[in-house]
Each structure stands twice: as C-alpha cells, then as structure tokens.
C-alpha atoms as a PDB file:
ATOM      1  CA  SER A   1       0.000   0.000   0.000  1.00  0.00           C
ATOM      2  CA  SER A   2       1.202   3.493  -0.743  1.00  0.00           C
ATOM      3  CA  GLY A   3       0.920   6.543   1.433  1.00  0.00           C
ATOM      4  CA  ASN A   4       2.793   8.083   4.297  1.00  0.00           C
ATOM      5  CA  VAL A   5       4.385   5.312   6.400  1.00  0.00           C
ATOM      6  CA  PHE A   6       5.167   7.900   9.075  1.00  0.00           C
ATOM      7  CA  GLN A   7       1.483   8.710   9.596  1.00  0.00           C
ATOM      8  CA  GLY A   8       0.367   7.675  13.061  1.00  0.00           C
ATOM      9  CA  LEU A   9       3.924   7.466  14.324  1.00  0.00           C
ATOM     10  CA  ASN A  10       2.916   9.242  17.537  1.00  0.00           C
ATOM     11  CA  ASN A  11       1.005   6.093  18.526  1.00  0.00           C
ATOM     12  CA  ILE A  12       4.183   3.997  18.510  1.00  0.00           C
ATOM     13  CA  GLN A  13       5.915   3.568  21.865  1.00  0.00           C
ATOM     14  CA  GLY A  14       9.507   4.750  22.299  1.00  0.00           C
ATOM     15  CA  SER A  15      11.487   6.192  19.442  1.00  0.00           C
ATOM     16  CA  SER A  16      10.502   3.661  16.792  1.00  0.00           C
ATOM     17  CA  VAL A  17      10.498   4.740  13.180  1.00  0.00           C
ATOM     18  CA  PRO A  18       9.892   2.724  10.029  1.00  0.00           C
ATOM     19  CA  SER A  19      13.279   1.169   9.308  1.00  0.00           C
ATOM     20  CA  SER A  20      12.611  -1.707   6.937  1.00  0.00           C
ATOM     21  CA  LEU A  21      14.588  -1.841   3.709  1.00  0.00           C
ATOM     22  CA  LYS A  22      11.289  -1.623   1.806  1.00  0.00           C
ATOM     23  CA  PHE A  23      10.933   2.029   2.885  1.00  0.00           C
ATOM     24  CA  LYS A  24      14.465   3.124   1.920  1.00  0.00           C
ATOM     25  CA  GLU A  25      16.436   4.169  -1.126  1.00  0.00           C
ATOM     26  CA  ASN A  26      19.765   5.918  -1.778  1.00  0.00           C
ATOM     27  CA  ILE A  27      21.351   3.819   0.994  1.00  0.00           C
ATOM     28  CA  GLU A  28      25.019   4.644   1.590  1.00  0.00           C
ATOM     29  CA  SER A  29      27.537   3.706   4.259  1.00  0.00           C
ATOM     30  CA  ILE A  30      28.405   6.556   6.581  1.00  0.00           C
ATOM     31  CA  LYS A  31      31.687   7.912   7.857  1.00  0.00           C
ATOM     32  CA  ILE A  32      31.743   9.868  11.098  1.00  0.00           C
ATOM     33  CA  GLU A  33      35.096  11.514  11.781  1.00  0.00           C
ATOM     34  CA  LYS A  34      36.480  10.583  15.178  1.00  0.00           C
ATOM     35  CA  GLU A  35      37.849  14.074  15.824  1.00  0.00           C
ATOM     36  CA  ALA A  36      34.480  15.797  15.412  1.00  0.00           C
ATOM     37  CA  PHE A  37      32.612  13.096  17.288  1.00  0.00           C
ATOM     38  CA  GLU A  38      34.996  13.324  20.247  1.00  0.00           C
ATOM     39  CA  LYS A  39      34.206  17.046  20.524  1.00  0.00           C
ATOM     40  CA  LEU A  40      30.531  16.391  21.258  1.00  0.00           C
ATOM     41  CA  ASN A  41      29.873  17.792  24.714  1.00  0.00           C
ATOM     42  CA  PRO A  42      27.232  15.882  26.712  1.00  0.00           C
ATOM     43  CA  VAL A  43      25.725  18.152  29.373  1.00  0.00           C
ATOM     44  CA  SER A  44      23.146  18.106  32.127  1.00  0.00           C
ATOM     45  CA  PHE A  45      20.653  20.965  32.209  1.00  0.00           C
ATOM     46  CA  ASN A  46      17.231  22.215  33.190  1.00  0.00           C
ATOM     47  CA  TYR A  47      14.813  23.730  30.699  1.00  0.00           C
ATOM     48  CA  LYS A  48      14.119  27.413  31.307  1.00  0.00           C
ATOM     49  CA  LYS A  49      10.885  27.990  33.210  1.00  0.00           C
ATOM     50  CA  GLU A  50       9.361  30.020  30.374  1.00  0.00           C
ATOM     51  CA  PHE A  51       9.655  26.980  28.069  1.00  0.00           C
ATOM     52  CA  SER A  52       8.764  24.068  30.350  1.00  0.00           C
ATOM     53  CA  SER A  53       7.142  23.416  33.717  1.00  0.00           C
ATOM     54  CA  ASP A  54       9.304  20.276  34.035  1.00  0.00           C
ATOM     55  CA  ASN A  55      12.224  21.330  36.209  1.00  0.00           C
ATOM     56  CA  SER A  56      13.869  17.898  36.408  1.00  0.00           C
ATOM     57  CA  LYS A  57      17.521  17.539  35.382  1.00  0.00           C
ATOM     58  CA  LYS A  58      17.947  16.450  31.746  1.00  0.00           C
ATOM     59  CA  LEU A  59      20.890  15.049  29.818  1.00  0.00           C
ATOM     60  CA  GLY A  60      21.672  15.984  26.243  1.00  0.00           C
ATOM     61  CA  LEU A  61      23.666  18.028  23.807  1.00  0.00           C
ATOM     62  CA  ILE A  62      23.493  21.687  22.780  1.00  0.00           C
ATOM     63  CA  ALA A  63      22.122  21.814  19.232  1.00  0.00           C
ATOM     64  CA  GLU A  64      24.189  24.842  18.207  1.00  0.00           C
ATOM     65  CA  GLU A  65      27.393  23.066  19.280  1.00  0.00           C
ATOM     66  CA  VAL A  66      26.418  19.944  17.335  1.00  0.00           C
ATOM     67  CA  LEU A  67      25.794  22.078  14.254  1.00  0.00           C
ATOM     68  CA  LYS A  68      29.204  23.808  14.600  1.00  0.00           C
ATOM     69  CA  LEU A  69      30.863  20.380  14.599  1.00  0.00           C
ATOM     70  CA  GLY A  70      29.351  19.698  11.180  1.00  0.00           C
ATOM     71  CA  PHE A  71      26.489  17.381  12.117  1.00  0.00           C
ATOM     72  CA  LYS A  72      23.807  19.357  10.251  1.00  0.00           C
ATOM     73  CA  GLU A  73      21.862  16.138   9.588  1.00  0.00           C
ATOM     74  CA  ALA A  74      21.323  15.825  13.352  1.00  0.00           C
ATOM     75  CA  ILE A  75      19.761  19.278  13.701  1.00  0.00           C
ATOM     76  CA  ILE A  76      16.051  19.994  13.678  1.00  0.00           C
ATOM     77  CA  PHE A  77      15.149  23.476  12.432  1.00  0.00           C
ATOM     78  CA  ASP A  78      11.928  25.342  13.181  1.00  0.00           C
ATOM     79  CA  GLU A  79       9.640  27.017  10.637  1.00  0.00           C
ATOM     80  CA  ASN A  80      11.935  30.101  10.644  1.00  0.00           C
ATOM     81  CA  ASN A  81      14.942  27.889   9.838  1.00  0.00           C
ATOM     82  CA  GLU A  82      16.376  28.498  13.304  1.00  0.00           C
ATOM     83  CA  VAL A  83      18.002  25.743  15.341  1.00  0.00           C
ATOM     84  CA  TYR A  84      15.308  24.009  17.395  1.00  0.00           C
ATOM     85  CA  GLY A  85      16.537  20.592  18.502  1.00  0.00           C
ATOM     86  CA  ILE A  86      18.501  17.440  17.865  1.00  0.00           C
ATOM     87  CA  ASP A  87      17.564  14.196  16.169  1.00  0.00           C
ATOM     88  CA  TYR A  88      19.018  11.878  18.805  1.00  0.00           C
ATOM     89  CA  ASN A  89      18.506   8.875  16.508  1.00  0.00           C
ATOM     90  CA  PHE A  90      21.237  10.389  14.304  1.00  0.00           C
ATOM     91  CA  ILE A  91      23.503  10.726  17.343  1.00  0.00           C
ATOM     92  CA  LEU A  92      22.773   7.129  18.361  1.00  0.00           C
ATOM     93  CA  ILE A  93      23.713   5.780  14.925  1.00  0.00           C
ATOM     94  CA  ALA A  94      26.852   7.959  14.873  1.00  0.00           C
ATOM     95  CA  LEU A  95      27.784   6.533  18.275  1.00  0.00           C
ATOM     96  CA  LEU A  96      27.237   2.998  16.989  1.00  0.00           C
ATOM     97  CA  TYR A  97      29.446   3.746  13.978  1.00  0.00           C
ATOM     98  CA  ARG A  98      32.241   5.149  16.198  1.00  0.00           C
ATOM     99  CA  TYR A  99      31.965   2.135  18.531  1.00  0.00           C
ATOM    100  CA  ILE A 100      32.352  -0.295  15.619  1.00  0.00           C
ATOM    101  CA  GLU A 101      35.329   1.664  14.264  1.00  0.00           C
ATOM    102  CA  THR A 102      36.947   1.727  17.717  1.00  0.00           C
ATOM    103  CA  CYS A 103      36.506  -2.044  18.039  1.00  0.00           C
ATOM    104  CA  LYS A 104      38.217  -2.505  14.659  1.00  0.00           C
ATOM    105  CA  GLU A 105      41.098  -0.259  15.748  1.00  0.00           C
ATOM    106  CA  LEU A 106      41.452  -2.213  18.998  1.00  0.00           C
ATOM    107  CA  GLU A 107      41.575  -5.538  17.134  1.00  0.00           C
ATOM    108  CA  GLU A 108      44.233  -4.107  14.803  1.00  0.00           C
ATOM    109  CA  LEU A 109      46.314  -3.038  17.803  1.00  0.00           C
ATOM    110  CA  LYS A 110      45.959  -6.491  19.364  1.00  0.00           C
ATOM    111  CA  ARG A 111      47.132  -8.123  16.113  1.00  0.00           C
ATOM    112  CA  ASN A 112      50.134  -5.767  15.952  1.00  0.00           C
ATOM    113  CA  ILE A 113      51.119  -6.543  19.554  1.00  0.00           C
ATOM    114  CA  LYS A 114      51.025 -10.305  18.883  1.00  0.00           C
ATOM    115  CA  THR A 115      53.316 -10.057  15.835  1.00  0.00           C
END
C-alpha cells in the first residue's frame, strides 16, 4: 500500500520509526570523523521555566554546538529555519558507527602486539 508510512507514528511507543529496507532508497555507508565526534559535549541541564514546567535535570547536547561540529543532519530546524533541537537517533547511529570503528582499531592493535 502506498501513502505516508510515518502517519500515526505518535502512537508507537519509544522512538521507533519505520526502518525496513522496503521504505528506503539511496542507501550509503556513513563515515563519522572521530575528531568531530569526540568534541561532542554531553551536558546536564534544566529547561528554562518560560519553556517548560518540568524542572527535572535532563541530559543531552546543545544543538548549536552539534551544528558547529558539522552534524547538520542531526539538527532539527523550526519554521523560521532556526536551530530548534537534535535528532538523537542520528547521534545514536553515529555513536554505533564510532563504537564499531573503535573495536576494529582495537583488534588491529591487538594483532600488531602479537606479531
């Protein structure tokens, strides 16, 4: 069936999104530079009272900093094209990529030590 597969996504629990191969095209492997990724600055914060009544401590990144590091794909812009938020799914996949690359580097080092 055709149509918008993202319709009704708000009814799905968690951060699930359609991810089946049948929904995708232009698939390419990614490359996330270690130097830029290592400059990501996880912070704790509270939302300003004028924006949220939830005063609990949050964890996250600062969108403007993420943008400066070159991760434009991770940035959500508002209707005025101003920085609004972060697509944390992008960050999660980037983290997975860096983890896999680090594991490969570690295995290479182990092989070099043994020889």
